[in-house]
N, C-alpha and C. Protein backbone atom coordinates (compact mmCIF):
# COMPACT_ATOMS: atom_id res chain seq x y z
N UNK A 1 5.46 -6.42 9.78
CA UNK A 1 5.29 -5.03 9.59
C UNK A 1 6.15 -4.12 10.59
N UNK A 2 6.25 -3.05 10.13
CA UNK A 2 7.08 -2.11 10.81
C UNK A 2 6.29 -0.98 10.97
N UNK A 3 6.77 0.00 12.08
CA UNK A 3 5.82 1.06 12.63
C UNK A 3 5.55 2.16 10.93
N UNK A 4 6.77 2.48 10.72
CA UNK A 4 6.83 3.19 9.26
C UNK A 4 6.03 2.67 8.08
N UNK A 5 5.43 1.42 8.05
CA UNK A 5 4.94 0.75 6.85
C UNK A 5 3.35 2.02 6.49
N UNK A 6 3.55 2.03 5.31
CA UNK A 6 2.51 2.56 4.73
C UNK A 6 1.45 1.47 4.21
N UNK A 7 1.89 0.38 3.72
CA UNK A 7 1.33 -0.69 3.30
C UNK A 7 1.36 -2.02 3.40
N UNK A 8 0.43 -3.09 3.43
CA UNK A 8 0.33 -4.71 3.84
C UNK A 8 0.53 -5.42 3.07
N UNK A 9 0.96 -6.66 2.71
CA UNK A 9 0.86 -7.48 1.75
C UNK A 9 -0.50 -8.81 2.37
N UNK A 10 -1.48 -8.99 1.35
CA UNK A 10 -2.62 -9.37 1.58
C UNK A 10 -2.13 -10.87 1.98
N UNK A 11 -2.25 -11.68 3.15
CA UNK A 11 -2.17 -13.03 3.05
C UNK A 11 -3.07 -14.32 2.45
N UNK A 12 -4.31 -13.46 1.81
CA UNK A 12 -5.40 -14.00 0.95
C UNK A 12 -5.84 -13.13 0.48
N UNK A 13 -6.63 -13.76 -0.77
CA UNK A 13 -8.23 -12.91 -1.58
C UNK A 13 -8.46 -11.92 -0.56
N UNK A 14 -8.48 -10.87 -0.58
CA UNK A 14 -9.89 -9.60 0.27
C UNK A 14 -10.66 -9.16 -0.50
N UNK A 15 -11.68 -9.32 -0.29
CA UNK A 15 -13.00 -8.80 -1.06
C UNK A 15 -13.15 -7.40 -0.97
N UNK A 16 -13.52 -6.73 -1.49
CA UNK A 16 -13.89 -5.47 -1.99
C UNK A 16 -14.69 -4.75 -0.26
N UNK A 17 -14.52 -3.76 0.16
CA UNK A 17 -15.50 -3.51 1.28
C UNK A 17 -15.39 -4.23 2.72
N UNK A 18 -14.05 -5.22 2.42
CA UNK A 18 -13.37 -5.72 3.87
C UNK A 18 -13.13 -4.66 4.70
N UNK A 19 -13.27 -5.24 5.84
CA UNK A 19 -12.73 -3.77 7.38
C UNK A 19 -12.21 -4.91 7.91
N UNK A 20 -10.69 -3.51 8.27
CA UNK A 20 -9.78 -4.26 9.47
C UNK A 20 -9.59 -3.20 10.40
N UNK A 21 -9.30 -3.50 11.63
CA UNK A 21 -8.89 -2.51 12.32
C UNK A 21 -7.12 -3.18 12.38
N UNK A 22 -6.37 -2.05 11.99
CA UNK A 22 -4.87 -2.39 12.00
C UNK A 22 -4.32 -0.64 12.76
N UNK A 23 -3.87 -1.00 14.07
CA UNK A 23 -3.07 -0.51 14.87
C UNK A 23 -4.03 0.73 15.23
N UNK A 24 -5.27 0.35 15.72
CA UNK A 24 -6.39 1.53 16.35
C UNK A 24 -6.69 2.21 14.73
N UNK A 25 -6.75 2.11 13.77
CA UNK A 25 -7.16 2.53 12.66
C UNK A 25 -8.10 1.54 11.65
N UNK A 26 -9.08 1.94 11.33
CA UNK A 26 -10.29 0.85 10.57
C UNK A 26 -9.90 1.43 9.10
N UNK A 27 -9.69 0.40 8.50
CA UNK A 27 -9.35 0.16 7.31
C UNK A 27 -10.32 -0.47 6.15
N UNK A 28 -11.36 0.16 5.24
CA UNK A 28 -12.22 -0.32 4.53
C UNK A 28 -11.22 -0.75 3.19
N UNK A 29 -11.39 -1.96 2.73
CA UNK A 29 -10.40 -1.85 1.16
C UNK A 29 -11.66 -1.49 -0.11
N UNK A 30 -10.77 -1.10 -0.65
CA UNK A 30 -11.72 -0.62 -1.93
C UNK A 30 -11.53 -1.02 -2.92
N UNK A 31 -11.02 -2.02 -3.13
CA UNK A 31 -10.97 -3.10 -4.20
C UNK A 31 -10.55 -4.48 -4.14
N UNK A 32 -10.88 -5.39 -4.46
CA UNK A 32 -10.69 -6.47 -4.28
C UNK A 32 -9.18 -6.89 -4.40
N UNK A 33 -8.48 -7.61 -3.36
CA UNK A 33 -6.74 -7.14 -3.40
C UNK A 33 -6.83 -8.99 -3.38
N UNK A 34 -6.03 -9.34 -4.74
CA UNK A 34 -5.38 -10.42 -4.55
C UNK A 34 -4.41 -10.92 -3.80
N UNK A 35 -4.20 -12.16 -3.31
CA UNK A 35 -3.37 -13.03 -2.31
C UNK A 35 -2.01 -12.23 -2.84
N UNK A 36 -1.22 -11.84 -2.00
CA UNK A 36 0.29 -11.86 -2.42
C UNK A 36 0.42 -10.10 -2.64
N UNK A 37 -0.76 -9.21 -2.81
CA UNK A 37 -0.60 -7.95 -3.32
C UNK A 37 -0.87 -7.29 -2.31
N UNK A 38 -0.31 -6.06 -2.44
CA UNK A 38 -0.45 -4.83 -1.18
C UNK A 38 -1.66 -4.07 -1.34
N UNK A 39 -1.89 -3.26 0.03
CA UNK A 39 -2.87 -2.67 0.16
C UNK A 39 -2.21 -1.36 0.86
N UNK A 40 -2.70 -0.27 1.13
CA UNK A 40 -2.61 0.93 1.52
C UNK A 40 -2.86 0.73 3.01
N UNK A 41 -2.23 1.29 4.05
CA UNK A 41 -2.45 1.14 5.39
C UNK A 41 -3.19 2.54 5.87
N UNK A 42 -2.52 3.67 5.26
CA UNK A 42 -3.36 4.55 5.04
C UNK A 42 -2.66 5.63 3.99
N UNK A 43 -3.54 6.95 3.79
CA UNK A 43 -3.26 7.44 2.76
C UNK A 43 -1.90 7.96 2.36
N UNK A 44 -1.41 8.15 1.05
CA UNK A 44 0.20 8.24 0.39
C UNK A 44 -0.50 9.01 -0.40
N UNK A 45 0.23 10.24 -0.17
CA UNK A 45 0.26 11.48 -1.24
C UNK A 45 1.19 11.21 -2.72
N UNK A 46 0.83 11.60 -3.94
CA UNK A 46 1.49 11.48 -4.99
C UNK A 46 3.20 12.03 -4.65
N UNK A 47 4.20 11.16 -4.92
CA UNK A 47 5.49 11.30 -4.66
C UNK A 47 6.15 11.06 -3.59
N UNK A 48 5.16 10.54 -2.57
CA UNK A 48 5.43 10.19 -1.23
C UNK A 48 6.28 8.79 -1.31
N UNK A 49 6.96 8.39 -0.55
CA UNK A 49 7.50 6.95 -0.83
C UNK A 49 6.17 5.50 -0.41
N UNK A 50 6.29 4.54 -0.67
CA UNK A 50 5.17 3.35 -0.53
C UNK A 50 6.76 2.61 0.35
N UNK A 51 6.24 2.45 1.76
CA UNK A 51 7.07 1.57 2.72
C UNK A 51 6.64 0.27 3.37
N UNK A 52 7.15 -0.68 3.01
CA UNK A 52 6.90 -1.99 3.78
C UNK A 52 8.17 -2.92 4.35
N UNK A 53 8.17 -3.37 4.93
CA UNK A 53 8.70 -3.71 6.22
C UNK A 53 9.93 -2.97 6.52
N UNK A 54 9.59 -1.78 6.62
CA UNK A 54 10.06 -0.85 6.76
C UNK A 54 11.28 0.09 6.05
N UNK A 55 11.07 -0.70 4.45
CA UNK A 55 11.92 -0.43 3.19
C UNK A 55 11.28 0.30 2.36
N UNK A 56 11.88 1.33 1.89
CA UNK A 56 11.17 2.24 0.77
C UNK A 56 11.11 0.91 -0.83
N UNK A 57 10.19 0.82 -0.93
CA UNK A 57 9.54 -0.25 -2.25
C UNK A 57 9.35 0.67 -3.33
N UNK A 58 8.62 1.64 -3.53
CA UNK A 58 8.37 2.93 -3.98
C UNK A 58 7.78 4.18 -4.04
N UNK A 59 7.44 4.75 -5.17
CA UNK A 59 7.00 6.38 -5.01
C UNK A 59 5.63 6.07 -5.65
N UNK A 60 4.79 6.71 -5.24
CA UNK A 60 3.54 7.04 -5.56
C UNK A 60 3.24 7.63 -6.83
N UNK A 61 2.54 7.36 -7.83
CA UNK A 61 2.89 8.05 -9.04
C UNK A 61 1.54 8.81 -8.94
N UNK A 62 0.53 8.48 -8.23
CA UNK A 62 -0.44 9.54 -7.70
C UNK A 62 -1.29 8.82 -6.24
N UNK A 63 -2.38 9.89 -5.97
CA UNK A 63 -2.51 9.68 -4.58
C UNK A 63 -2.99 8.26 -4.42
N UNK A 64 -2.60 7.72 -3.10
CA UNK A 64 -3.28 6.41 -2.84
C UNK A 64 -3.96 6.84 -1.59
N UNK A 65 -5.03 6.15 -1.10
CA UNK A 65 -6.14 6.47 -0.18
C UNK A 65 -5.67 5.01 0.39
N UNK A 66 -6.13 5.17 2.01
CA UNK A 66 -6.04 4.05 2.57
C UNK A 66 -7.00 3.07 2.12
N UNK A 67 -6.58 1.66 2.35
CA UNK A 67 -7.48 0.90 1.81
C UNK A 67 -7.29 0.27 0.20
N UNK A 68 -6.97 1.37 -0.35
CA UNK A 68 -6.59 0.83 -2.22
C UNK A 68 -5.88 0.05 -2.27
N UNK A 69 -5.57 -1.01 -3.34
CA UNK A 69 -4.82 -1.91 -4.15
C UNK A 69 -3.68 -0.75 -4.26
N UNK A 70 -2.41 -1.40 -4.04
CA UNK A 70 -0.99 -0.83 -4.70
C UNK A 70 -0.34 -1.94 -5.63
N UNK A 71 -0.43 -1.19 -6.74
CA UNK A 71 0.29 -2.15 -7.18
C UNK A 71 0.94 -1.30 -8.42
N UNK A 72 0.97 -1.39 -9.91
CA UNK A 72 1.92 -0.99 -10.96
C UNK A 72 1.47 0.31 -11.34
N UNK A 73 0.15 0.28 -10.83
CA UNK A 73 -0.85 1.49 -11.48
C UNK A 73 -0.98 2.65 -10.81
N UNK A 74 -0.21 2.23 -9.71
CA UNK A 74 -0.03 3.67 -8.80
C UNK A 74 1.36 3.82 -7.79
N UNK A 75 2.24 3.06 -8.66
CA UNK A 75 3.39 3.09 -7.71
C UNK A 75 4.76 3.22 -8.78
N UNK A 76 5.69 3.69 -8.79
CA UNK A 76 6.83 3.25 -9.69
C UNK A 76 7.89 2.54 -8.43
N UNK A 77 8.63 1.94 -9.17
CA UNK A 77 9.85 1.13 -8.27
C UNK A 77 11.08 2.10 -7.54
N UNK A 78 11.03 1.94 -6.37
CA UNK A 78 12.18 2.79 -5.73
C UNK A 78 13.73 2.55 -6.50
N UNK A 79 13.69 1.23 -7.14
CA UNK A 79 15.19 1.20 -7.62
C UNK A 79 15.08 1.52 -8.76
N UNK A 80 14.36 2.18 -9.32
CA UNK A 80 14.55 3.00 -11.19
C UNK A 80 14.69 4.55 -10.51
N UNK A 81 14.40 4.75 -8.99
CA UNK A 81 14.64 6.05 -8.66
C UNK A 81 16.06 5.93 -8.44
N UNK A 82 16.68 5.42 -7.76
CA UNK A 82 17.81 5.13 -7.54
C UNK A 82 18.96 5.30 -8.42
N UNK A 83 18.55 4.86 -9.66
CA UNK A 83 19.42 4.58 -10.72
C UNK A 83 19.44 5.72 -11.90
N UNK A 84 18.58 6.83 -11.22
CA UNK A 84 18.83 8.07 -11.97
C UNK A 84 20.13 8.74 -11.96
């Protein structure tokens, strides 16, 4: 992980309501997160970059709250933004 990250990848299936202390922030998972999928480490406002491993991986297409599942329903690829 990178200090700039606002999402992380689950290394296991994470059930809804699971809580994690990450960087002194308590994060409560809002939906079941499947293995290999991403969840928000902090609030990400619509239009802001989604950052993983210090790299921009997408743009939020709606507000994403800490603990939310981060997937195609709430982000668009950053690659698509660069090709416009």
